Protein backbone atom coordinates (compact mmCIF):
# COMPACT_ATOMS: atom_id res chain seq x y z
CA MET A 1 9.76 96.55 -117.79
CA GLN A 2 6.01 95.89 -117.45
CA VAL A 3 4.29 92.54 -117.83
CA GLY A 4 1.67 92.67 -120.56
CA GLU A 5 -1.82 91.22 -120.44
CA ASN A 6 -0.93 88.40 -122.82
CA ASP A 7 2.56 87.73 -121.40
CA SER A 8 3.46 84.54 -119.50
CA VAL A 9 5.64 84.43 -116.41
CA ILE A 10 7.88 81.80 -114.90
CA ILE A 11 8.37 81.97 -111.10
CA VAL A 12 11.49 80.33 -109.66
CA THR A 13 11.96 79.92 -105.90
CA HIS A 14 14.39 77.95 -103.83
CA GLU A 15 11.72 75.80 -102.03
CA PRO A 16 8.73 73.98 -103.58
CA ASN A 17 6.37 75.32 -100.95
CA TRP A 18 3.40 73.73 -102.69
CA LEU A 19 4.78 70.34 -101.66
CA LEU A 20 6.30 71.28 -98.33
CA ASP A 21 3.22 73.23 -97.17
CA TRP A 22 1.05 70.23 -98.00
CA TYR A 23 3.41 67.92 -96.23
CA TRP A 24 3.95 70.02 -93.08
CA LYS A 25 0.37 71.30 -93.03
CA GLU A 26 1.39 74.96 -92.92
CA THR A 27 1.33 78.06 -95.15
CA THR A 28 4.50 79.79 -96.33
CA GLY A 29 5.50 82.01 -99.22
CA LYS A 30 2.65 84.48 -98.70
CA ASN A 31 4.42 87.24 -100.65
CA VAL A 32 4.94 84.96 -103.68
CA SER A 33 1.31 83.80 -103.50
CA HIS A 34 0.16 87.39 -103.30
CA LEU A 35 2.20 88.23 -106.45
CA ILE A 36 0.87 85.25 -108.38
CA GLN A 37 -2.74 85.53 -107.42
CA ASP A 38 -3.33 89.24 -107.14
CA TYR A 39 -0.90 90.75 -109.74
CA LEU A 40 -0.11 88.04 -112.29
CA ASN A 41 -3.69 86.69 -112.08
CA GLY A 42 -3.33 83.60 -114.29
CA ARG A 43 -0.27 84.69 -116.25
CA CYS A 44 2.13 82.41 -114.22
CA LYS A 45 2.38 79.38 -116.37
CA LEU A 46 5.19 77.66 -114.53
CA ARG A 47 6.57 77.52 -111.01
CA MET A 48 10.02 75.93 -110.53
CA ALA A 49 12.00 75.08 -107.45
CA GLY A 50 14.77 72.90 -106.21
CA ASP A 51 15.70 72.03 -102.63
CA LEU A 52 13.98 68.64 -102.69
CA HIS A 53 16.43 66.31 -104.29
CA HIS A 54 14.14 64.60 -106.76
CA PHE A 55 12.11 65.48 -109.86
CA MET A 56 8.35 65.95 -109.85
CA ARG A 57 6.03 67.69 -112.30
CA HIS A 58 2.38 68.43 -111.62
CA SER A 59 -0.12 69.99 -114.07
CA ALA A 60 -3.41 71.61 -113.30
CA THR A 61 -6.50 69.57 -114.20
CA PRO A 62 -9.15 71.21 -116.38
CA SER A 63 -11.59 73.22 -114.25
CA ASP A 64 -14.10 76.08 -114.42
CA LYS A 65 -12.30 77.76 -111.54
CA PRO A 66 -9.39 80.16 -112.24
CA THR A 67 -5.97 78.50 -112.35
CA PHE A 68 -3.21 80.75 -110.97
CA VAL A 69 -0.32 78.39 -111.87
CA GLU A 70 -0.58 75.84 -114.70
CA HIS A 71 2.50 73.76 -114.05
CA LEU A 72 4.53 72.99 -110.90
CA LEU A 73 8.00 71.57 -111.39
CA VAL A 74 10.60 70.47 -108.81
CA ASN A 75 14.13 69.47 -109.86
CA GLY A 76 16.64 69.23 -107.07
CA CYS A 77 18.38 66.15 -108.48
CA GLY A 78 21.73 67.93 -108.29
CA GLY A 79 21.70 67.71 -104.53
CA ALA A 80 24.16 65.79 -102.39
CA PHE A 81 21.70 62.92 -101.79
CA LEU A 82 18.36 61.74 -103.01
CA HIS A 83 14.90 62.55 -101.56
CA PRO A 84 11.90 60.24 -101.88
CA THR A 85 8.98 60.90 -104.19
CA HIS A 86 6.44 58.45 -102.76
CA VAL A 87 6.08 60.58 -99.65
CA PHE A 88 4.38 63.23 -101.80
CA LYS A 89 2.24 60.79 -103.81
CA ASN A 90 -1.07 62.12 -102.39
CA PHE A 91 -0.38 65.79 -103.13
CA GLU A 92 -3.17 67.14 -105.41
CA ARG A 93 -4.28 70.65 -104.34
CA PHE A 94 -2.52 74.01 -104.16
CA SER A 95 -4.08 77.52 -104.05
CA GLY A 96 -7.50 76.13 -104.77
CA THR A 97 -6.47 74.26 -107.92
CA THR A 98 -6.37 70.49 -108.42
CA TYR A 99 -3.20 69.01 -109.83
CA GLU A 100 -2.15 65.58 -111.12
CA CYS A 101 1.39 64.21 -111.18
CA LYS A 102 2.68 63.90 -114.72
CA ALA A 103 6.20 62.64 -113.83
CA ALA A 104 8.17 61.58 -110.80
CA TYR A 105 11.82 60.64 -110.73
CA PRO A 106 12.60 58.19 -109.22
CA SER A 107 9.13 56.60 -109.54
CA TYR A 108 6.94 55.95 -106.50
CA GLU A 109 7.73 52.27 -106.60
CA GLU A 110 11.49 52.82 -106.96
CA SER A 111 11.46 55.40 -104.16
CA SER A 112 9.65 53.03 -101.82
CA GLY A 113 12.09 50.24 -102.65
CA ILE A 114 15.13 52.46 -102.11
CA ALA A 115 14.00 52.98 -98.50
CA LEU A 116 14.63 49.28 -97.80
CA GLY A 117 18.33 50.23 -97.78
CA ASN A 118 17.81 51.66 -94.24
CA ILE A 119 17.48 48.06 -93.01
CA LEU A 120 20.17 46.50 -95.15
CA LYS A 121 22.77 49.30 -95.40
CA PHE A 122 22.28 51.75 -92.48
CA ARG A 123 25.30 50.53 -90.50
CA LYS A 124 27.56 50.38 -93.54
CA LYS A 125 26.61 53.92 -94.64
CA ASN A 126 26.68 55.37 -91.13
CA TRP A 127 29.40 53.48 -89.23
CA GLN A 128 29.97 56.52 -86.96
CA PHE A 129 26.57 55.82 -85.48
CA ASP A 130 28.14 52.82 -83.72
CA ILE A 131 29.97 55.13 -81.36
CA ILE A 132 26.93 56.75 -79.82
CA GLY A 133 24.65 53.76 -80.36
CA GLY A 134 26.74 51.31 -78.36
CA PHE A 135 27.22 53.90 -75.60
CA ILE A 136 23.43 54.48 -75.35
CA TYR A 137 22.75 50.76 -75.10
CA PHE A 138 25.33 50.44 -72.28
CA ILE A 139 23.71 53.29 -70.39
CA LEU A 140 20.32 51.66 -70.77
CA VAL A 141 21.50 48.48 -68.99
CA PHE A 142 24.33 49.88 -66.83
CA SER A 143 22.42 49.19 -63.62
CA MET A 144 21.73 45.60 -64.64
CA PHE A 145 25.34 44.40 -64.39
CA PRO A 146 26.01 41.83 -63.04
CA GLN A 147 23.13 39.35 -63.13
CA CYS A 148 23.76 36.97 -60.28
CA ASN A 149 20.67 34.74 -60.43
CA LEU A 150 20.72 33.04 -63.77
CA VAL A 151 20.94 29.48 -62.57
CA HIS A 152 17.21 28.94 -63.02
CA ILE A 153 17.52 29.55 -66.76
CA LEU A 154 20.38 27.06 -67.19
CA ASN A 155 18.65 24.44 -64.98
CA GLU A 156 15.55 24.31 -67.22
CA GLU A 157 15.43 21.00 -69.05
CA THR A 158 13.48 22.11 -72.16
CA TRP A 159 14.09 24.95 -74.56
CA SER A 160 10.56 26.21 -74.01
CA GLY A 161 11.23 26.35 -70.28
CA ARG A 162 14.51 28.19 -70.87
CA LEU A 163 12.77 30.66 -73.15
CA GLN A 164 10.04 31.28 -70.61
CA SER A 165 12.58 31.83 -67.83
CA PHE A 166 14.59 34.06 -70.13
CA SER A 167 11.54 36.21 -70.92
CA SER A 168 10.52 36.46 -67.26
CA THR A 169 14.02 37.61 -66.36
CA ILE A 170 13.85 40.29 -69.07
CA TRP A 171 10.58 41.48 -67.68
CA SER A 172 11.95 41.60 -64.12
CA ALA A 173 14.96 43.58 -65.34
CA LEU A 174 12.66 46.03 -67.12
CA LEU A 175 10.72 46.58 -63.93
CA PHE A 176 13.93 46.97 -61.94
CA ILE A 177 15.11 49.75 -64.27
CA PHE A 178 12.07 51.97 -63.56
CA GLU A 179 11.58 51.02 -59.88
CA HIS A 180 15.08 50.85 -58.41
CA SER A 181 17.89 51.86 -60.80
CA TYR A 182 19.30 55.36 -61.25
CA VAL A 183 21.59 55.42 -64.27
CA SER A 184 19.52 53.09 -66.43
CA SER A 185 16.21 54.84 -65.59
CA VAL A 186 17.65 58.31 -66.27
CA GLY A 187 19.07 57.02 -69.54
CA SER A 188 15.74 55.45 -70.55
CA LEU A 189 13.75 58.58 -69.74
CA THR A 190 16.28 60.76 -71.60
CA LEU A 191 16.06 58.52 -74.62
CA LEU A 192 12.28 58.59 -74.46
CA MET A 193 12.21 62.40 -74.49
CA ALA A 194 14.75 62.51 -77.36
CA SER A 195 12.77 59.92 -79.32
CA TYR A 196 9.53 61.90 -78.80
CA SER A 197 11.20 65.08 -80.03
CA PHE A 198 12.71 63.25 -83.00
CA VAL A 199 9.28 62.35 -84.35
CA PRO A 200 8.17 65.13 -86.81
CA SER A 201 5.80 67.72 -85.37
CA LYS A 202 3.34 67.21 -88.23
CA LEU A 203 1.85 64.37 -86.22
CA THR A 204 -0.35 64.79 -83.23
CA ARG A 205 1.19 64.58 -79.73
CA LYS A 206 -0.53 61.23 -79.16
CA LYS A 207 0.94 59.71 -82.30
CA ARG A 208 4.37 61.17 -81.52
CA ALA A 209 4.21 59.65 -78.08
CA ILE A 210 3.11 56.22 -79.40
CA ILE A 211 5.79 56.13 -82.16
CA GLY A 212 8.53 57.46 -79.92
CA GLY A 213 7.58 55.07 -77.10
CA LEU A 214 7.55 52.03 -79.28
CA HIS A 215 10.92 53.06 -80.70
CA VAL A 216 12.48 53.36 -77.26
CA LEU A 217 10.83 50.09 -76.13
CA ALA A 218 12.41 48.26 -79.06
CA HIS A 219 15.86 49.59 -78.18
CA LEU A 220 15.45 48.94 -74.45
CA THR A 221 14.23 45.38 -75.00
CA ALA A 222 17.10 44.70 -77.41
CA ALA A 223 19.60 46.10 -74.91
CA LEU A 224 18.21 43.94 -72.13
CA VAL A 225 18.27 40.80 -74.28
CA LEU A 226 21.86 41.44 -75.26
CA MET A 227 22.82 42.13 -71.65
CA LEU A 228 21.26 38.86 -70.50
CA LEU A 229 22.85 36.84 -73.34
CA MET A 230 26.24 38.30 -72.43
CA GLU A 231 25.78 37.47 -68.71
CA LEU A 232 24.59 33.95 -69.59
CA GLY A 233 27.66 33.51 -71.72
CA ILE A 234 29.94 34.44 -68.84
CA GLU A 235 27.94 32.25 -66.42
CA ILE A 236 28.28 29.27 -68.81
CA CYS A 237 32.01 29.84 -69.19
CA ILE A 238 32.49 29.98 -65.42
CA ARG A 239 30.47 26.81 -64.83
CA ASN A 240 32.49 24.95 -67.50
CA HIS A 241 35.81 26.28 -66.23
CA LEU A 242 36.48 28.15 -69.49
CA LEU A 243 37.39 31.32 -67.61
CA ALA A 244 39.86 31.53 -64.75
CA THR A 245 38.37 32.67 -61.51
CA SER A 246 41.39 32.53 -59.18
CA GLY A 247 42.37 36.21 -59.52
CA TYR A 248 42.62 39.28 -61.69
CA HIS A 249 45.85 38.37 -63.41
CA PRO A 250 45.84 34.65 -64.36
CA LEU A 251 47.80 35.20 -67.54
CA TYR A 252 50.57 37.05 -65.68
CA ASP A 253 50.60 34.41 -62.96
CA TRP A 254 51.01 31.74 -65.65
CA TYR A 255 53.87 33.80 -67.26
CA ARG A 256 55.71 34.07 -63.92
CA SER A 257 55.43 30.38 -63.22
CA MET A 258 56.69 29.52 -66.76
CA GLU A 259 59.49 32.07 -66.34
CA SER A 260 60.59 30.56 -63.00
CA GLU A 261 60.44 27.05 -64.35
CA HIS A 262 62.28 27.52 -67.71
CA PHE A 263 64.32 30.62 -67.01
CA PRO A 264 65.74 30.41 -63.53
CA ASP A 265 67.45 33.52 -62.08
CA PRO A 266 70.09 32.31 -59.58
CA THR A 267 71.83 35.76 -59.60
CA GLY A 268 68.73 37.66 -58.65
CA LEU A 269 68.81 39.81 -61.80
CA ARG A 270 65.02 40.18 -61.98
CA THR A 271 64.87 41.33 -58.41
CA ARG A 272 67.55 44.00 -59.07
CA LEU A 273 65.71 45.14 -62.22
CA GLU A 274 62.59 45.59 -60.20
CA GLN A 275 64.50 47.73 -57.74
CA TRP A 276 66.27 49.77 -60.39
CA THR A 277 63.04 50.52 -62.28
CA LEU A 278 61.10 51.25 -59.13
CA GLY A 279 58.75 48.36 -59.84
CA LEU A 280 58.06 49.28 -63.49
CA TYR A 281 59.69 46.11 -64.83
CA PRO A 282 57.12 43.56 -63.66
CA ALA A 283 54.27 46.06 -63.44
CA CYS A 284 54.37 46.99 -67.15
CA ILE A 285 54.32 43.34 -68.15
CA LYS A 286 51.52 42.63 -65.66
CA TYR A 287 49.15 45.32 -66.79
CA LEU A 288 49.92 44.82 -70.49
CA MET A 289 48.97 41.17 -70.10
CA SER A 290 45.80 42.21 -68.27
CA ALA A 291 44.49 43.58 -71.59
CA PHE A 292 44.15 39.93 -72.62
CA ASP A 293 42.57 38.99 -69.34
CA VAL A 294 39.40 41.09 -69.81
CA PRO A 295 36.99 38.08 -69.74
CA GLU A 296 38.70 36.82 -66.58
CA VAL A 297 38.47 40.24 -65.00
CA MET A 298 34.74 40.24 -65.71
CA ALA A 299 34.32 36.75 -64.33
CA VAL A 300 36.31 37.32 -61.10
CA THR A 301 34.64 40.70 -60.31
CA ARG A 302 31.22 39.28 -61.14
CA ILE A 303 31.77 36.46 -58.63
CA ASN A 304 33.00 38.91 -55.94
CA ILE A 305 30.06 41.27 -56.43
CA CYS A 306 27.57 38.45 -56.31
CA LYS A 307 29.07 37.09 -53.12
CA ASN A 308 30.00 40.21 -51.18
CA GLY A 309 28.16 43.11 -52.91
CA MET A 310 29.33 46.23 -54.69
CA MET A 311 30.57 47.95 -51.47
CA SER A 312 33.17 45.26 -50.93
CA LEU A 313 35.20 46.25 -53.96
CA SER A 314 37.38 49.32 -54.41
CA ARG A 315 36.51 52.09 -56.89
CA SER A 316 39.40 51.12 -59.17
CA VAL A 317 38.22 47.49 -59.42
CA LEU A 318 34.66 48.61 -60.25
CA ILE A 319 35.95 51.00 -62.89
CA MET A 320 38.03 48.21 -64.36
CA TYR A 321 34.99 45.88 -64.32
CA TYR A 322 32.57 48.29 -65.94
CA THR A 323 35.23 49.25 -68.53
CA SER A 324 35.67 45.61 -69.46
CA VAL A 325 31.88 45.07 -69.66
CA PHE A 326 31.51 48.16 -71.84
CA ILE A 327 34.13 46.97 -74.34
CA TYR A 328 32.43 43.63 -74.91
CA PHE A 329 28.90 44.96 -74.71
CA TRP A 330 29.66 47.77 -77.17
CA ILE A 331 31.00 45.28 -79.73
CA PHE A 332 28.02 43.06 -79.05
CA SER A 333 25.33 45.76 -79.35
CA THR A 334 26.44 48.04 -82.21
CA PRO A 335 25.01 45.81 -85.04
CA VAL A 336 21.68 45.55 -83.25
CA VAL A 337 21.23 49.27 -82.54
CA SER A 338 21.92 50.17 -86.22
CA LEU A 339 19.49 47.43 -87.37
CA ILE A 340 16.68 48.68 -85.10
CA PHE A 341 17.19 52.34 -85.95
CA GLY A 342 17.40 51.55 -89.67
CA SER A 343 14.18 49.52 -89.43
CA TYR A 344 12.56 52.40 -87.60
CA LEU A 345 13.42 54.77 -90.47
CA TYR A 346 12.16 52.25 -93.06
CA ILE A 347 8.81 51.79 -91.28
CA CYS A 348 8.37 55.57 -90.76
CA ILE A 349 9.15 56.50 -94.37
CA ASN A 350 7.03 53.78 -95.99
CA TRP A 351 4.10 53.43 -93.54
CA PHE A 352 3.75 56.89 -92.02
CA HIS A 353 5.52 58.96 -94.59
CA ILE A 354 7.62 60.81 -92.03
CA HIS A 355 11.39 61.28 -91.65
CA PHE A 356 11.76 61.68 -95.43
CA ASP A 357 14.88 63.77 -94.93
CA GLU A 358 16.56 61.53 -92.33
CA ALA A 359 15.60 58.24 -93.94
CA PHE A 360 17.17 59.16 -97.33
CA SER A 361 20.03 61.34 -96.22
CA SER A 362 21.26 58.33 -94.13
CA LEU A 363 21.53 56.30 -97.38
CA ARG A 364 23.78 58.92 -99.07
CA ILE A 365 22.53 57.96 -102.58
CA ALA A 366 24.53 59.82 -105.21
CA ASN A 367 22.55 58.42 -108.11
CA TYR A 368 19.36 59.64 -109.91
CA LYS A 369 20.84 62.92 -111.15
CA SER A 370 19.11 65.23 -113.62
CA PHE A 371 18.98 68.72 -114.95
CA THR A 372 16.30 70.81 -116.64
CA ARG A 373 16.66 73.01 -119.71
CA LEU A 374 14.12 75.54 -120.95
CA HIS A 375 13.77 76.57 -124.65
CA ILE A 376 11.60 79.44 -125.83
CA LYS A 377 10.65 79.04 -129.48
CA LYS A 378 10.33 81.85 -131.92
CA ASP A 379 6.55 81.87 -131.61
CA GLY A 380 6.86 82.21 -127.85
CA ASP A 381 6.02 78.64 -126.91
CA LEU A 382 8.04 77.23 -124.03
CA GLU A 383 9.67 73.81 -124.22
CA ILE A 384 11.05 72.12 -121.08
CA PHE A 385 13.56 69.25 -121.27
CA THR A 386 14.80 67.22 -118.31
CA LEU A 387 17.69 64.81 -118.74
CA ALA A 388 18.36 62.21 -116.12
CA VAL A 389 20.89 59.46 -115.38
CA ASP A 390 20.02 56.62 -113.07
CA LYS A 391 23.51 55.74 -111.92
CA VAL A 392 26.45 58.07 -111.51
CA THR A 393 29.85 56.66 -112.19
CA SER A 394 32.31 56.25 -109.31
CA ILE A 395 35.34 55.62 -111.53
CA TYR A 396 37.08 58.62 -113.08
CA SER A 397 40.24 58.90 -115.17
CA THR A 398 42.43 61.86 -115.80
CA CYS A 399 43.17 63.15 -119.29
CA SER A 400 45.33 65.89 -120.64
CA ARG A 401 44.19 69.30 -121.84
CA SER A 402 45.12 68.41 -125.42
CA HIS A 403 42.88 65.36 -125.28
CA LEU A 404 39.96 67.45 -123.94
CA PHE A 405 40.51 70.02 -126.73
CA ARG A 406 40.52 67.31 -129.43
CA SER A 407 37.34 65.77 -127.90
CA ALA A 408 35.64 69.13 -127.97
CA LEU A 409 36.53 69.68 -131.67
CA HIS A 410 35.05 66.31 -132.60
């Protein structure tokens, strides 16, 4: 079959390379461009594509120059999630032709507003991020535990003085990370390289370094603030005798004293049970109760480290201490790391127009669905209809086959 001189052609491809090439500042689809420009030579009236999960239609503006494609249409609204439209707002040229946007769904304003969900809903939509986010924050401040010299903050008489001392302590901790620590410095440098690589390559290296560096600085500062707040909380509890500091098992010691006082054992049954179970009888109770003694473990170990240094403690005690710190710090830090990362995506998508895939896939928006239908009239004119629904239902009900058959008949 041969295309006639007066025939019109529709080209359908999987990617809208007119938008993506403009966005990524590259050139793809050379074979398709060769077909349209050199063979069809103005007979391609419409190019259609999906892949980007939104709807956009551009039409060529009147010009004296030859127009190779009259209309450009993207409809990928059947995708698993939504893509933004406002990122492509400034697109206007393709293959030497100027285009104007005739329709965008969702609209530019709606698309920009949807991005706000990265700040408000990122953690809810991506709760699995807590696992790695809390672990990264702990690595960033691992070398900072414990903080033994916090008395100067608590001894300040005014809130402005406390805030100033708090800020100077944060700055000192930041310098310590890069000058003396091992784990925290390696973690920070690794995060910096990962953050630099995460910034899209469409930007210059300088801009990628600035954006990636500011991103890491925000996380590192937040991790240090949370670390210092946690250490201050433990220090305040110790000073006000809200945490036991006599040993590692205060709850078990209290249990044994209550047991001896209210449940005497004149026959020595408990001693025989300990012998028969090879010590498992009291040991199991002791270490099960230690699960509720985590704050006390942190307080006692912290005091011992500050007095005698790390080398004075056994490896098992240090493992127990850092495990206890990790549990509390992970719970403390996960809301913050999600908030900062979500804010980063929001700023990038709305201010710099980057991370359009990551910023919207994280929201997992199932709404804004549409489909396109083409109708060729008897006289050869082409009509294009696109039907859309803003909100997809999440409530479904089952019905029998007979009910479906009756509904189809009506």
